[in-house]
Amino acid sequence: MATRGRKSTPTAMKKLEGNPGNRPLNAKESTPEKKAPTCPKWLEPEAKKEWKRLAKQMEAIGILTDVDMAAFAG
């Protein structure tokens, strides 16, 4: 049987959007480690340069994690 209602919004999104209802945030929510995934070997040299440039910036602001590799590699 499926669960009812909408899925809950991740805690990170709630922090970004603010917490207008002042409800307690889920402190036990699992979060992936904030580190850049390794660059795939199949990327072309120009794409590897761009990967390293963007990964460095995105990792610095904490929005790139190890689970983002497939989406980031495109």
PDB file of N, CA and C in Angstrom:
ATOM      1  N   MET A   1       0.837  -1.160   0.000  1.00  0.00           N
ATOM      2  CA  MET A   1       0.000   0.000   0.000  1.00  0.00           C
ATOM      3  C   MET A   1       0.896   1.243   0.000  1.00  0.00           C
ATOM      4  N   ALA A   2       0.542   2.213  -0.790  1.00  0.00           N
ATOM      5  CA  ALA A   2       1.328   3.443  -0.893  1.00  0.00           C
ATOM      6  C   ALA A   2       1.082   4.354   0.302  1.00  0.00           C
ATOM      7  N   THR A   3       2.045   5.215   0.555  1.00  0.00           N
ATOM      8  CA  THR A   3       1.865   6.184   1.638  1.00  0.00           C
ATOM      9  C   THR A   3       0.973   7.324   1.173  1.00  0.00           C
ATOM     10  N   ARG A   4       0.330   7.971   2.096  1.00  0.00           N
ATOM     11  CA  ARG A   4      -0.590   9.051   1.753  1.00  0.00           C
ATOM     12  C   ARG A   4       0.103  10.401   1.830  1.00  0.00           C
ATOM     13  N   GLY A   5      -0.390  11.303   1.020  1.00  0.00           N
ATOM     14  CA  GLY A   5       0.095  12.678   1.070  1.00  0.00           C
ATOM     15  C   GLY A   5       1.405  12.885   0.331  1.00  0.00           C
ATOM     16  N   ARG A   6       1.866  14.111   0.384  1.00  0.00           N
ATOM     17  CA  ARG A   6       3.119  14.441  -0.278  1.00  0.00           C
ATOM     18  C   ARG A   6       4.310  13.945   0.515  1.00  0.00           C
ATOM     19  N   LYS A   7       5.405  13.754  -0.199  1.00  0.00           N
ATOM     20  CA  LYS A   7       6.646  13.413   0.476  1.00  0.00           C
ATOM     21  C   LYS A   7       7.146  14.662   1.188  1.00  0.00           C
ATOM     22  N   SER A   8       7.813  14.455   2.301  1.00  0.00           N
ATOM     23  CA  SER A   8       8.301  15.607   3.055  1.00  0.00           C
ATOM     24  C   SER A   8       9.459  16.275   2.317  1.00  0.00           C
ATOM     25  N   THR A   9       9.555  17.567   2.485  1.00  0.00           N
ATOM     26  CA  THR A   9      10.620  18.348   1.871  1.00  0.00           C
ATOM     27  C   THR A   9      11.919  18.076   2.626  1.00  0.00           C
ATOM     28  N   PRO A  10      13.027  17.860   1.912  1.00  0.00           N
ATOM     29  CA  PRO A  10      14.303  17.627   2.594  1.00  0.00           C
ATOM     30  C   PRO A  10      14.679  18.807   3.493  1.00  0.00           C
ATOM     31  N   THR A  11      15.370  18.516   4.566  1.00  0.00           N
ATOM     32  CA  THR A  11      15.757  19.539   5.529  1.00  0.00           C
ATOM     33  C   THR A  11      16.594  20.633   4.885  1.00  0.00           C
ATOM     34  N   ALA A  12      17.477  20.272   3.968  1.00  0.00           N
ATOM     35  CA  ALA A  12      18.320  21.274   3.304  1.00  0.00           C
ATOM     36  C   ALA A  12      17.466  22.282   2.539  1.00  0.00           C
ATOM     37  N   MET A  13      16.407  21.808   1.892  1.00  0.00           N
ATOM     38  CA  MET A  13      15.517  22.714   1.164  1.00  0.00           C
ATOM     39  C   MET A  13      14.753  23.613   2.131  1.00  0.00           C
ATOM     40  N   LYS A  14      14.347  23.051   3.253  1.00  0.00           N
ATOM     41  CA  LYS A  14      13.638  23.850   4.255  1.00  0.00           C
ATOM     42  C   LYS A  14      14.527  24.972   4.780  1.00  0.00           C
ATOM     43  N   LYS A  15      15.817  24.675   4.957  1.00  0.00           N
ATOM     44  CA  LYS A  15      16.750  25.695   5.432  1.00  0.00           C
ATOM     45  C   LYS A  15      16.915  26.799   4.395  1.00  0.00           C
ATOM     46  N   LEU A  16      16.974  26.413   3.111  1.00  0.00           N
ATOM     47  CA  LEU A  16      17.123  27.404   2.047  1.00  0.00           C
ATOM     48  C   LEU A  16      15.886  28.284   1.912  1.00  0.00           C
ATOM     49  N   GLU A  17      14.716  27.674   2.032  1.00  0.00           N
ATOM     50  CA  GLU A  17      13.458  28.403   1.860  1.00  0.00           C
ATOM     51  C   GLU A  17      13.056  29.173   3.114  1.00  0.00           C
ATOM     52  N   GLY A  18      13.699  28.872   4.208  1.00  0.00           N
ATOM     53  CA  GLY A  18      13.300  29.462   5.480  1.00  0.00           C
ATOM     54  C   GLY A  18      12.307  28.529   6.151  1.00  0.00           C
ATOM     55  N   ASN A  19      11.987  28.805   7.367  1.00  0.00           N
ATOM     56  CA  ASN A  19      11.086  27.947   8.123  1.00  0.00           C
ATOM     57  C   ASN A  19       9.951  28.806   8.674  1.00  0.00           C
ATOM     58  N   PRO A  20       9.007  29.204   7.792  1.00  0.00           N
ATOM     59  CA  PRO A  20       7.965  30.128   8.227  1.00  0.00           C
ATOM     60  C   PRO A  20       7.082  29.589   9.351  1.00  0.00           C
ATOM     61  N   GLY A  21       6.885  28.291   9.417  1.00  0.00           N
ATOM     62  CA  GLY A  21       6.049  27.711  10.464  1.00  0.00           C
ATOM     63  C   GLY A  21       6.804  27.468  11.757  1.00  0.00           C
ATOM     64  N   ASN A  22       8.120  27.719  11.738  1.00  0.00           N
ATOM     65  CA  ASN A  22       8.993  27.486  12.895  1.00  0.00           C
ATOM     66  C   ASN A  22       8.853  26.077  13.458  1.00  0.00           C
ATOM     67  N   ARG A  23       8.611  25.134  12.569  1.00  0.00           N
ATOM     68  CA  ARG A  23       8.526  23.740  13.002  1.00  0.00           C
ATOM     69  C   ARG A  23       9.943  23.195  13.178  1.00  0.00           C
ATOM     70  N   PRO A  24      10.120  22.235  14.062  1.00  0.00           N
ATOM     71  CA  PRO A  24      11.466  21.683  14.252  1.00  0.00           C
ATOM     72  C   PRO A  24      11.936  20.962  12.991  1.00  0.00           C
ATOM     73  N   LEU A  25      13.210  21.147  12.660  1.00  0.00           N
ATOM     74  CA  LEU A  25      13.787  20.491  11.492  1.00  0.00           C
ATOM     75  C   LEU A  25      14.308  19.115  11.889  1.00  0.00           C
ATOM     76  N   ASN A  26      14.324  18.207  10.926  1.00  0.00           N
ATOM     77  CA  ASN A  26      14.764  16.838  11.166  1.00  0.00           C
ATOM     78  C   ASN A  26      16.285  16.802  11.311  1.00  0.00           C
ATOM     79  N   ALA A  27      16.773  16.639  12.521  1.00  0.00           N
ATOM     80  CA  ALA A  27      18.215  16.602  12.771  1.00  0.00           C
ATOM     81  C   ALA A  27      18.811  15.237  12.439  1.00  0.00           C
ATOM     82  N   LYS A  28      17.971  14.215  12.297  1.00  0.00           N
ATOM     83  CA  LYS A  28      18.461  12.860  12.055  1.00  0.00           C
ATOM     84  C   LYS A  28      18.471  12.480  10.576  1.00  0.00           C
ATOM     85  N   GLU A  29      18.105  13.410   9.703  1.00  0.00           N
ATOM     86  CA  GLU A  29      18.055  13.110   8.274  1.00  0.00           C
ATOM     87  C   GLU A  29      19.457  12.805   7.751  1.00  0.00           C
ATOM     88  N   SER A  30      19.581  11.737   6.995  1.00  0.00           N
ATOM     89  CA  SER A  30      20.891  11.388   6.453  1.00  0.00           C
ATOM     90  C   SER A  30      21.237  12.330   5.303  1.00  0.00           C
ATOM     91  N   THR A  31      22.491  12.705   5.239  1.00  0.00           N
ATOM     92  CA  THR A  31      22.956  13.584   4.169  1.00  0.00           C
ATOM     93  C   THR A  31      24.232  13.006   3.585  1.00  0.00           C
ATOM     94  N   PRO A  32      24.390  13.081   2.271  1.00  0.00           N
ATOM     95  CA  PRO A  32      25.615  12.570   1.666  1.00  0.00           C
ATOM     96  C   PRO A  32      26.797  13.470   2.015  1.00  0.00           C
ATOM     97  N   GLU A  33      27.982  12.895   1.966  1.00  0.00           N
ATOM     98  CA  GLU A  33      29.190  13.657   2.258  1.00  0.00           C
ATOM     99  C   GLU A  33      29.385  14.739   1.203  1.00  0.00           C
ATOM    100  N   LYS A  34      29.699  15.937   1.628  1.00  0.00           N
ATOM    101  CA  LYS A  34      29.868  17.049   0.698  1.00  0.00           C
ATOM    102  C   LYS A  34      31.282  17.034   0.138  1.00  0.00           C
ATOM    103  N   LYS A  35      31.472  16.303  -0.927  1.00  0.00           N
ATOM    104  CA  LYS A  35      32.754  16.278  -1.620  1.00  0.00           C
ATOM    105  C   LYS A  35      32.485  16.038  -3.091  1.00  0.00           C
ATOM    106  N   ALA A  36      33.374  16.513  -3.908  1.00  0.00           N
ATOM    107  CA  ALA A  36      33.193  16.371  -5.346  1.00  0.00           C
ATOM    108  C   ALA A  36      33.435  14.923  -5.763  1.00  0.00           C
ATOM    109  N   PRO A  37      32.604  14.396  -6.657  1.00  0.00           N
ATOM    110  CA  PRO A  37      32.846  13.049  -7.171  1.00  0.00           C
ATOM    111  C   PRO A  37      34.083  13.055  -8.059  1.00  0.00           C
ATOM    112  N   THR A  38      34.683  11.900  -8.225  1.00  0.00           N
ATOM    113  CA  THR A  38      35.861  11.819  -9.089  1.00  0.00           C
ATOM    114  C   THR A  38      35.450  12.018 -10.541  1.00  0.00           C
ATOM    115  N   CYS A  39      36.320  12.626 -11.282  1.00  0.00           N
ATOM    116  CA  CYS A  39      36.061  12.910 -12.694  1.00  0.00           C
ATOM    117  C   CYS A  39      36.082  11.605 -13.496  1.00  0.00           C
ATOM    118  N   PRO A  40      35.049  11.337 -14.304  1.00  0.00           N
ATOM    119  CA  PRO A  40      35.035  10.114 -15.106  1.00  0.00           C
ATOM    120  C   PRO A  40      36.167  10.110 -16.134  1.00  0.00           C
ATOM    121  N   LYS A  41      36.763   8.969 -16.335  1.00  0.00           N
ATOM    122  CA  LYS A  41      37.887   8.854 -17.271  1.00  0.00           C
ATOM    123  C   LYS A  41      37.443   9.008 -18.719  1.00  0.00           C
ATOM    124  N   TRP A  42      36.161   8.770 -19.017  1.00  0.00           N
ATOM    125  CA  TRP A  42      35.693   8.809 -20.393  1.00  0.00           C
ATOM    126  C   TRP A  42      35.440  10.223 -20.907  1.00  0.00           C
ATOM    127  N   LEU A  43      35.530  11.228 -20.053  1.00  0.00           N
ATOM    128  CA  LEU A  43      35.329  12.604 -20.513  1.00  0.00           C
ATOM    129  C   LEU A  43      36.503  13.056 -21.375  1.00  0.00           C
ATOM    130  N   GLU A  44      36.213  13.906 -22.340  1.00  0.00           N
ATOM    131  CA  GLU A  44      37.264  14.460 -23.189  1.00  0.00           C
ATOM    132  C   GLU A  44      38.072  15.482 -22.387  1.00  0.00           C
ATOM    133  N   PRO A  45      39.307  15.781 -22.814  1.00  0.00           N
ATOM    134  CA  PRO A  45      40.173  16.687 -22.049  1.00  0.00           C
ATOM    135  C   PRO A  45      39.532  18.038 -21.716  1.00  0.00           C
ATOM    136  N   GLU A  46      38.837  18.652 -22.669  1.00  0.00           N
ATOM    137  CA  GLU A  46      38.194  19.942 -22.417  1.00  0.00           C
ATOM    138  C   GLU A  46      37.091  19.802 -21.365  1.00  0.00           C
ATOM    139  N   ALA A  47      36.349  18.711 -21.430  1.00  0.00           N
ATOM    140  CA  ALA A  47      35.284  18.460 -20.454  1.00  0.00           C
ATOM    141  C   ALA A  47      35.869  18.199 -19.065  1.00  0.00           C
ATOM    142  N   LYS A  48      37.021  17.542 -19.003  1.00  0.00           N
ATOM    143  CA  LYS A  48      37.673  17.291 -17.714  1.00  0.00           C
ATOM    144  C   LYS A  48      38.087  18.602 -17.054  1.00  0.00           C
ATOM    145  N   LYS A  49      38.593  19.543 -17.860  1.00  0.00           N
ATOM    146  CA  LYS A  49      38.975  20.853 -17.317  1.00  0.00           C
ATOM    147  C   LYS A  49      37.761  21.564 -16.729  1.00  0.00           C
ATOM    148  N   GLU A  50      36.665  21.516 -17.480  1.00  0.00           N
ATOM    149  CA  GLU A  50      35.437  22.167 -17.022  1.00  0.00           C
ATOM    150  C   GLU A  50      34.891  21.473 -15.773  1.00  0.00           C
ATOM    151  N   TRP A  51      34.968  20.137 -15.744  1.00  0.00           N
ATOM    152  CA  TRP A  51      34.536  19.365 -14.573  1.00  0.00           C
ATOM    153  C   TRP A  51      35.282  19.849 -13.333  1.00  0.00           C
ATOM    154  N   LYS A  52      36.610  19.924 -13.445  1.00  0.00           N
ATOM    155  CA  LYS A  52      37.427  20.319 -12.297  1.00  0.00           C
ATOM    156  C   LYS A  52      37.116  21.746 -11.860  1.00  0.00           C
ATOM    157  N   ARG A  53      36.901  22.643 -12.817  1.00  0.00           N
ATOM    158  CA  ARG A  53      36.609  24.041 -12.501  1.00  0.00           C
ATOM    159  C   ARG A  53      35.275  24.155 -11.753  1.00  0.00           C
ATOM    160  N   LEU A  54      34.233  23.547 -12.324  1.00  0.00           N
ATOM    161  CA  LEU A  54      32.909  23.625 -11.705  1.00  0.00           C
ATOM    162  C   LEU A  54      32.834  22.859 -10.388  1.00  0.00           C
ATOM    163  N   ALA A  55      33.463  21.692 -10.348  1.00  0.00           N
ATOM    164  CA  ALA A  55      33.424  20.878  -9.130  1.00  0.00           C
ATOM    165  C   ALA A  55      34.056  21.629  -7.964  1.00  0.00           C
ATOM    166  N   LYS A  56      35.149  22.329  -8.227  1.00  0.00           N
ATOM    167  CA  LYS A  56      35.825  23.086  -7.174  1.00  0.00           C
ATOM    168  C   LYS A  56      34.903  24.175  -6.613  1.00  0.00           C
ATOM    169  N   GLN A  57      34.227  24.894  -7.503  1.00  0.00           N
ATOM    170  CA  GLN A  57      33.330  25.968  -7.069  1.00  0.00           C
ATOM    171  C   GLN A  57      32.102  25.423  -6.345  1.00  0.00           C
ATOM    172  N   MET A  58      31.500  24.369  -6.900  1.00  0.00           N
ATOM    173  CA  MET A  58      30.285  23.812  -6.305  1.00  0.00           C
ATOM    174  C   MET A  58      30.571  23.139  -4.964  1.00  0.00           C
ATOM    175  N   GLU A  59      31.737  22.527  -4.847  1.00  0.00           N
ATOM    176  CA  GLU A  59      32.115  21.900  -3.581  1.00  0.00           C
ATOM    177  C   GLU A  59      32.352  22.972  -2.511  1.00  0.00           C
ATOM    178  N   ALA A  60      32.911  24.105  -2.916  1.00  0.00           N
ATOM    179  CA  ALA A  60      33.197  25.187  -1.967  1.00  0.00           C
ATOM    180  C   ALA A  60      31.921  25.735  -1.328  1.00  0.00           C
ATOM    181  N   ILE A  61      30.836  25.784  -2.086  1.00  0.00           N
ATOM    182  CA  ILE A  61      29.589  26.301  -1.515  1.00  0.00           C
ATOM    183  C   ILE A  61      28.681  25.185  -0.989  1.00  0.00           C
ATOM    184  N   GLY A  62      29.151  23.944  -1.080  1.00  0.00           N
ATOM    185  CA  GLY A  62      28.449  22.831  -0.447  1.00  0.00           C
ATOM    186  C   GLY A  62      27.251  22.281  -1.192  1.00  0.00           C
ATOM    187  N   ILE A  63      27.201  22.447  -2.517  1.00  0.00           N
ATOM    188  CA  ILE A  63      26.043  21.924  -3.248  1.00  0.00           C
ATOM    189  C   ILE A  63      26.375  20.713  -4.112  1.00  0.00           C
ATOM    190  N   LEU A  64      27.608  20.247  -4.064  1.00  0.00           N
ATOM    191  CA  LEU A  64      27.996  19.076  -4.849  1.00  0.00           C
ATOM    192  C   LEU A  64      28.393  17.962  -3.901  1.00  0.00           C
ATOM    193  N   THR A  65      27.801  16.787  -4.092  1.00  0.00           N
ATOM    194  CA  THR A  65      28.130  15.640  -3.256  1.00  0.00           C
ATOM    195  C   THR A  65      28.525  14.471  -4.139  1.00  0.00           C
ATOM    196  N   ASP A  66      28.990  13.431  -3.509  1.00  0.00           N
ATOM    197  CA  ASP A  66      29.458  12.250  -4.227  1.00  0.00           C
ATOM    198  C   ASP A  66      28.349  11.571  -5.026  1.00  0.00           C
ATOM    199  N   VAL A  67      27.100  11.706  -4.620  1.00  0.00           N
ATOM    200  CA  VAL A  67      25.996  11.045  -5.317  1.00  0.00           C
ATOM    201  C   VAL A  67      25.558  11.799  -6.574  1.00  0.00           C
ATOM    202  N   ASP A  68      26.141  12.956  -6.836  1.00  0.00           N
ATOM    203  CA  ASP A  68      25.768  13.766  -7.995  1.00  0.00           C
ATOM    204  C   ASP A  68      26.542  13.430  -9.269  1.00  0.00           C
ATOM    205  N   MET A  69      27.390  12.426  -9.248  1.00  0.00           N
ATOM    206  CA  MET A  69      28.275  12.165 -10.381  1.00  0.00           C
ATOM    207  C   MET A  69      27.531  11.965 -11.696  1.00  0.00           C
ATOM    208  N   ALA A  70      26.516  11.145 -11.724  1.00  0.00           N
ATOM    209  CA  ALA A  70      25.812  10.858 -12.978  1.00  0.00           C
ATOM    210  C   ALA A  70      25.181  12.116 -13.561  1.00  0.00           C
ATOM    211  N   ALA A  71      24.554  12.909 -12.729  1.00  0.00           N
ATOM    212  CA  ALA A  71      23.921  14.136 -13.211  1.00  0.00           C
ATOM    213  C   ALA A  71      24.958  15.171 -13.612  1.00  0.00           C
ATOM    214  N   PHE A  72      26.043  15.250 -12.881  1.00  0.00           N
ATOM    215  CA  PHE A  72      27.077  16.238 -13.151  1.00  0.00           C
ATOM    216  C   PHE A  72      27.856  15.892 -14.413  1.00  0.00           C
ATOM    217  N   ALA A  73      28.060  14.605 -14.676  1.00  0.00           N
ATOM    218  CA  ALA A  73      28.808  14.176 -15.865  1.00  0.00           C
ATOM    219  C   ALA A  73      27.966  14.311 -17.125  1.00  0.00           C
ATOM    220  N   GLY A  74      26.653  14.215 -16.976  1.00  0.00           N
ATOM    221  CA  GLY A  74      25.735  14.379 -18.098  1.00  0.00           C
ATOM    222  C   GLY A  74      25.851  13.269 -19.042  1.00  0.00           C
TER     223      GLY A  74
END
